Amino acid sequence: MVLISGVRHRTNNCFTNRRDSFILAVMEEQTTEKQLPDSVELLKTLLLSAQKQLKEKDRKIHSLHSLINAYQEEKRLAQAHRFGASSEKDSPQQRLFDEAEVGADTPPSTAPMPPQPIPKSQASPGFLAYVVTSKYADALPLYRQCNILKRSGIECARNTLCHQVVKAGLSKRELNI
């Protein structure tokens, strides 16, 4: 291993002569600082060979990154092919079910609310008709109607029903019940 500009690099080259074996020993950290050559020429050779190896490793890293990117793109395309839209996309039958897309540009509109029998109340005309009919035609008291409504999952207090029956009686002429 040799330390060049703060990065460690491992060498794999085989050297034949004595000078090259010394360079290999320096690059693999088998030498100490005292064993480094004093010759500028030998140090230059050592530096140039380390730079050459560094460039080769950078080139190899770059090619591996390119290969990884290619595999990732291939994986993405395979997933898009497997989980993407099928060939039915261009089918003439597909146009039968595009009602939602036809009006997607316009905001939804709501119909005006019909007039309520009792203003500012949630009681519908059908509910009031049920309560009044049960009370007067079927002789079912309001406290029993509250229990029946509670079993059906509708929470309604007895005094609320009383007020609704009274207001429905007052507005009888207006509603034509």
C-alpha atoms as a PDB file:
ATOM      1  CA  MET A   1       0.000   0.000   0.000  1.00  0.00           C
ATOM      2  CA  VAL A   2       1.205   3.497  -0.724  1.00  0.00           C
ATOM      3  CA  LEU A   3      -0.213   6.781   0.484  1.00  0.00           C
ATOM      4  CA  ILE A   4      -0.570   9.356  -2.288  1.00  0.00           C
ATOM      5  CA  SER A   5      -2.463  12.602  -1.639  1.00  0.00           C
ATOM      6  CA  GLY A   6      -4.262  11.125   1.370  1.00  0.00           C
ATOM      7  CA  VAL A   7      -5.624   8.047  -0.486  1.00  0.00           C
ATOM      8  CA  ARG A   8      -4.334   4.496  -0.037  1.00  0.00           C
ATOM      9  CA  HIS A   9      -3.758   2.369  -3.149  1.00  0.00           C
ATOM     10  CA  ARG A  10      -2.715  -1.295  -3.327  1.00  0.00           C
ATOM     11  CA  THR A  11      -0.360  -2.477  -6.052  1.00  0.00           C
ATOM     12  CA  ASN A  12      -0.487  -5.752  -7.954  1.00  0.00           C
ATOM     13  CA  ASN A  13       2.471  -5.430 -10.367  1.00  0.00           C
ATOM     14  CA  CYS A  14       5.405  -7.832 -10.424  1.00  0.00           C
ATOM     15  CA  PHE A  15       8.828  -6.225 -10.829  1.00  0.00           C
ATOM     16  CA  THR A  16      11.806  -8.051 -12.243  1.00  0.00           C
ATOM     17  CA  ASN A  17      14.995  -6.202 -11.384  1.00  0.00           C
ATOM     18  CA  ARG A  18      16.325  -5.000  -8.057  1.00  0.00           C
ATOM     19  CA  ARG A  19      15.347  -1.354  -8.482  1.00  0.00           C
ATOM     20  CA  ASP A  20      11.805  -2.269  -9.400  1.00  0.00           C
ATOM     21  CA  SER A  21      11.541  -4.638  -6.441  1.00  0.00           C
ATOM     22  CA  PHE A  22      12.645  -1.790  -4.193  1.00  0.00           C
ATOM     23  CA  ILE A  23       9.906   0.422  -5.665  1.00  0.00           C
ATOM     24  CA  LEU A  24       7.405  -2.370  -5.058  1.00  0.00           C
ATOM     25  CA  ALA A  25       8.565  -2.700  -1.452  1.00  0.00           C
ATOM     26  CA  VAL A  26       8.155   1.057  -0.931  1.00  0.00           C
ATOM     27  CA  MET A  27       4.692   1.012  -2.484  1.00  0.00           C
ATOM     28  CA  GLU A  28       3.571  -1.872  -0.298  1.00  0.00           C
ATOM     29  CA  GLU A  29       4.819  -0.088   2.831  1.00  0.00           C
ATOM     30  CA  GLN A  30       7.481  -2.644   3.623  1.00  0.00           C
ATOM     31  CA  THR A  31      10.001   0.135   3.985  1.00  0.00           C
ATOM     32  CA  THR A  32      10.359   2.714   6.652  1.00  0.00           C
ATOM     33  CA  GLU A  33      11.181   6.376   6.167  1.00  0.00           C
ATOM     34  CA  LYS A  34      14.890   5.619   6.638  1.00  0.00           C
ATOM     35  CA  GLN A  35      14.779   3.048   3.825  1.00  0.00           C
ATOM     36  CA  LEU A  36      13.397   5.483   1.238  1.00  0.00           C
ATOM     37  CA  PRO A  37      15.969   6.306  -1.431  1.00  0.00           C
ATOM     38  CA  ASP A  38      17.755   9.650  -1.346  1.00  0.00           C
ATOM     39  CA  SER A  39      18.044   9.647  -5.109  1.00  0.00           C
ATOM     40  CA  VAL A  40      15.693  12.135  -6.732  1.00  0.00           C
ATOM     41  CA  GLU A  41      15.564  10.035  -9.880  1.00  0.00           C
ATOM     42  CA  LEU A  42      14.441   6.957  -7.972  1.00  0.00           C
ATOM     43  CA  LEU A  43      11.819   8.963  -6.086  1.00  0.00           C
ATOM     44  CA  LYS A  44      10.549  10.387  -9.395  1.00  0.00           C
ATOM     45  CA  THR A  45      10.276   6.888 -10.814  1.00  0.00           C
ATOM     46  CA  LEU A  46       8.435   5.770  -7.730  1.00  0.00           C
ATOM     47  CA  LEU A  47       6.029   8.697  -7.986  1.00  0.00           C
ATOM     48  CA  LEU A  48       5.419   8.198 -11.716  1.00  0.00           C
ATOM     49  CA  SER A  49       4.659   4.495 -11.313  1.00  0.00           C
ATOM     50  CA  ALA A  50       2.284   5.269  -8.446  1.00  0.00           C
ATOM     51  CA  GLN A  51       0.544   7.904 -10.583  1.00  0.00           C
ATOM     52  CA  LYS A  52       0.243   5.454 -13.472  1.00  0.00           C
ATOM     53  CA  GLN A  53      -1.344   2.871 -11.201  1.00  0.00           C
ATOM     54  CA  LEU A  54      -3.661   5.502  -9.764  1.00  0.00           C
ATOM     55  CA  LYS A  55      -4.841   6.524 -13.255  1.00  0.00           C
ATOM     56  CA  GLU A  56      -5.418   2.919 -14.196  1.00  0.00           C
ATOM     57  CA  LYS A  57      -7.457   2.326 -11.061  1.00  0.00           C
ATOM     58  CA  ASP A  58      -9.465   5.506 -11.659  1.00  0.00           C
ATOM     59  CA  ARG A  59     -10.179   4.313 -15.195  1.00  0.00           C
ATOM     60  CA  LYS A  60     -11.282   0.942 -13.842  1.00  0.00           C
ATOM     61  CA  ILE A  61     -13.501   2.574 -11.208  1.00  0.00           C
ATOM     62  CA  HIS A  62     -15.078   4.749 -13.893  1.00  0.00           C
ATOM     63  CA  SER A  63     -15.802   1.719 -16.073  1.00  0.00           C
ATOM     64  CA  LEU A  64     -17.332  -0.117 -13.107  1.00  0.00           C
ATOM     65  CA  HIS A  65     -19.554   2.886 -12.313  1.00  0.00           C
ATOM     66  CA  SER A  66     -20.693   2.944 -15.951  1.00  0.00           C
ATOM     67  CA  LEU A  67     -21.494  -0.754 -15.727  1.00  0.00           C
ATOM     68  CA  ILE A  68     -23.458  -0.249 -12.488  1.00  0.00           C
ATOM     69  CA  ASN A  69     -25.449   2.583 -14.089  1.00  0.00           C
ATOM     70  CA  ALA A  70     -26.207   0.384 -17.099  1.00  0.00           C
ATOM     71  CA  TYR A  71     -27.450  -2.446 -14.839  1.00  0.00           C
ATOM     72  CA  GLN A  72     -29.574  -0.032 -12.818  1.00  0.00           C
ATOM     73  CA  GLU A  73     -31.154   1.330 -16.009  1.00  0.00           C
ATOM     74  CA  GLU A  74     -31.789  -2.218 -17.233  1.00  0.00           C
ATOM     75  CA  LYS A  75     -33.447  -3.072 -13.919  1.00  0.00           C
ATOM     76  CA  ARG A  76     -35.616   0.051 -14.073  1.00  0.00           C
ATOM     77  CA  LEU A  77     -36.732  -0.769 -17.615  1.00  0.00           C
ATOM     78  CA  ALA A  78     -37.501  -4.381 -16.667  1.00  0.00           C
ATOM     79  CA  GLN A  79     -39.633  -3.209 -13.747  1.00  0.00           C
ATOM     80  CA  ALA A  80     -41.423  -0.680 -15.953  1.00  0.00           C
ATOM     81  CA  HIS A  81     -42.104  -3.417 -18.484  1.00  0.00           C
ATOM     82  CA  ARG A  82     -43.305  -5.838 -15.824  1.00  0.00           C
ATOM     83  CA  PHE A  83     -45.402  -3.462 -13.704  1.00  0.00           C
ATOM     84  CA  GLY A  84     -46.190  -0.743 -16.268  1.00  0.00           C
ATOM     85  CA  ALA A  85     -49.303  -0.163 -18.304  1.00  0.00           C
ATOM     86  CA  SER A  86     -50.281  -3.025 -20.558  1.00  0.00           C
ATOM     87  CA  SER A  87     -51.179  -2.983 -24.230  1.00  0.00           C
ATOM     88  CA  GLU A  88     -54.806  -2.259 -23.352  1.00  0.00           C
ATOM     89  CA  LYS A  89     -53.851   1.393 -23.100  1.00  0.00           C
ATOM     90  CA  ASP A  90     -54.669   2.003 -26.781  1.00  0.00           C
ATOM     91  CA  SER A  91     -57.734  -0.221 -26.842  1.00  0.00           C
ATOM     92  CA  PRO A  92     -60.973   1.337 -28.183  1.00  0.00           C
ATOM     93  CA  GLN A  93     -62.766  -0.039 -25.131  1.00  0.00           C
ATOM     94  CA  GLN A  94     -60.569   2.101 -22.900  1.00  0.00           C
ATOM     95  CA  ARG A  95     -62.435   5.201 -24.106  1.00  0.00           C
ATOM     96  CA  LEU A  96     -65.651   3.823 -22.612  1.00  0.00           C
ATOM     97  CA  PHE A  97     -64.354   4.344 -19.086  1.00  0.00           C
ATOM     98  CA  ASP A  98     -62.811   7.801 -19.275  1.00  0.00           C
ATOM     99  CA  GLU A  99     -65.715   9.818 -17.856  1.00  0.00           C
ATOM    100  CA  ALA A 100     -63.548  11.046 -15.017  1.00  0.00           C
ATOM    101  CA  GLU A 101     -60.858  12.348 -17.378  1.00  0.00           C
ATOM    102  CA  VAL A 102     -63.319  14.138 -19.661  1.00  0.00           C
ATOM    103  CA  GLY A 103     -64.392  16.658 -17.044  1.00  0.00           C
ATOM    104  CA  ALA A 104     -61.097  16.798 -15.175  1.00  0.00           C
ATOM    105  CA  ASP A 105     -60.350  20.354 -16.345  1.00  0.00           C
ATOM    106  CA  THR A 106     -63.474  21.896 -14.820  1.00  0.00           C
ATOM    107  CA  PRO A 107     -63.902  22.154 -11.066  1.00  0.00           C
ATOM    108  CA  PRO A 108     -66.701  20.069  -9.563  1.00  0.00           C
ATOM    109  CA  SER A 109     -70.026  21.836  -9.185  1.00  0.00           C
ATOM    110  CA  THR A 110     -72.564  21.183  -6.475  1.00  0.00           C
ATOM    111  CA  ALA A 111     -76.303  21.411  -6.775  1.00  0.00           C
ATOM    112  CA  PRO A 112     -78.084  23.953  -4.622  1.00  0.00           C
ATOM    113  CA  MET A 113     -79.464  22.535  -1.417  1.00  0.00           C
ATOM    114  CA  PRO A 114     -83.225  21.955  -1.411  1.00  0.00           C
ATOM    115  CA  PRO A 115     -85.221  23.983   1.085  1.00  0.00           C
ATOM    116  CA  GLN A 116     -85.252  22.388   4.542  1.00  0.00           C
ATOM    117  CA  PRO A 117     -88.540  21.928   6.417  1.00  0.00           C
ATOM    118  CA  ILE A 118     -86.886  23.274   9.553  1.00  0.00           C
ATOM    119  CA  PRO A 119     -84.280  25.991   8.834  1.00  0.00           C
ATOM    120  CA  LYS A 120     -80.746  25.313  10.204  1.00  0.00           C
ATOM    121  CA  SER A 121     -81.668  21.711  11.020  1.00  0.00           C
ATOM    122  CA  GLN A 122     -80.271  18.425   9.773  1.00  0.00           C
ATOM    123  CA  ALA A 123     -83.687  16.788   9.805  1.00  0.00           C
ATOM    124  CA  SER A 124     -84.797  15.805   6.319  1.00  0.00           C
ATOM    125  CA  PRO A 125     -88.456  15.829   5.278  1.00  0.00           C
ATOM    126  CA  GLY A 126     -88.426  12.008   5.246  1.00  0.00           C
ATOM    127  CA  PHE A 127     -87.080  11.799   8.801  1.00  0.00           C
ATOM    128  CA  LEU A 128     -89.673  14.265  10.063  1.00  0.00           C
ATOM    129  CA  ALA A 129     -92.417  12.322   8.296  1.00  0.00           C
ATOM    130  CA  TYR A 130     -91.201   9.082   9.949  1.00  0.00           C
ATOM    131  CA  VAL A 131     -91.095  10.629  13.449  1.00  0.00           C
ATOM    132  CA  VAL A 132     -94.500  12.354  13.163  1.00  0.00           C
ATOM    133  CA  THR A 133     -96.153   9.257  11.653  1.00  0.00           C
ATOM    134  CA  SER A 134     -94.648   6.995  14.332  1.00  0.00           C
ATOM    135  CA  LYS A 135     -95.796   9.351  17.094  1.00  0.00           C
ATOM    136  CA  TYR A 136     -99.335  10.086  15.967  1.00  0.00           C
ATOM    137  CA  ALA A 137    -100.382   7.237  13.661  1.00  0.00           C
ATOM    138  CA  ASP A 138     -98.523   4.375  15.395  1.00  0.00           C
ATOM    139  CA  ALA A 139     -98.792   5.789  18.951  1.00  0.00           C
ATOM    140  CA  LEU A 140     -95.054   5.390  19.517  1.00  0.00           C
ATOM    141  CA  PRO A 141     -93.751   7.818  22.157  1.00  0.00           C
ATOM    142  CA  LEU A 142     -90.651   9.858  21.433  1.00  0.00           C
ATOM    143  CA  TYR A 143     -88.559   8.214  24.182  1.00  0.00           C
ATOM    144  CA  ARG A 144     -89.133   4.812  22.494  1.00  0.00           C
ATOM    145  CA  GLN A 145     -88.284   6.295  19.109  1.00  0.00           C
ATOM    146  CA  CYS A 146     -85.027   7.572  20.630  1.00  0.00           C
ATOM    147  CA  ASN A 147     -84.197   4.024  21.782  1.00  0.00           C
ATOM    148  CA  ILE A 148     -85.043   2.592  18.331  1.00  0.00           C
ATOM    149  CA  LEU A 149     -82.863   5.220  16.634  1.00  0.00           C
ATOM    150  CA  LYS A 150     -80.030   4.552  19.095  1.00  0.00           C
ATOM    151  CA  ARG A 151     -80.107   0.814  18.241  1.00  0.00           C
ATOM    152  CA  SER A 152     -79.810   1.802  14.573  1.00  0.00           C
ATOM    153  CA  GLY A 153     -76.728   3.896  15.340  1.00  0.00           C
ATOM    154  CA  ILE A 154     -78.418   7.320  15.235  1.00  0.00           C
ATOM    155  CA  GLU A 155     -77.807   9.457  18.298  1.00  0.00           C
ATOM    156  CA  CYS A 156     -80.766  11.785  18.779  1.00  0.00           C
ATOM    157  CA  ALA A 157     -81.877  13.300  22.084  1.00  0.00           C
ATOM    158  CA  ARG A 158     -85.553  13.206  23.059  1.00  0.00           C
ATOM    159  CA  ASN A 159     -85.786  17.002  23.414  1.00  0.00           C
ATOM    160  CA  THR A 160     -84.403  17.379  19.853  1.00  0.00           C
ATOM    161  CA  LEU A 161     -87.166  15.112  18.556  1.00  0.00           C
ATOM    162  CA  CYS A 162     -89.731  17.106  20.559  1.00  0.00           C
ATOM    163  CA  HIS A 163     -88.553  20.403  19.049  1.00  0.00           C
ATOM    164  CA  GLN A 164     -88.583  18.913  15.540  1.00  0.00           C
ATOM    165  CA  VAL A 165     -92.154  17.572  15.941  1.00  0.00           C
ATOM    166  CA  VAL A 166     -93.370  20.962  17.207  1.00  0.00           C
ATOM    167  CA  LYS A 167     -91.639  22.879  14.382  1.00  0.00           C
ATOM    168  CA  ALA A 168     -92.950  20.402  11.805  1.00  0.00           C
ATOM    169  CA  GLY A 169     -96.484  21.022  13.161  1.00  0.00           C
ATOM    170  CA  LEU A 170     -95.991  24.789  12.928  1.00  0.00           C
ATOM    171  CA  SER A 171     -94.767  24.604   9.342  1.00  0.00           C
ATOM    172  CA  LYS A 172     -97.515  22.153   8.308  1.00  0.00           C
ATOM    173  CA  ARG A 173     -99.176  24.605   6.023  1.00  0.00           C
ATOM    174  CA  GLU A 174     -95.905  25.464   4.285  1.00  0.00           C
ATOM    175  CA  LEU A 175     -94.812  21.865   3.709  1.00  0.00           C
ATOM    176  CA  ASN A 176     -98.197  20.376   2.783  1.00  0.00           C
ATOM    177  CA  ILE A 177     -97.458  17.277   4.854  1.00  0.00           C
END
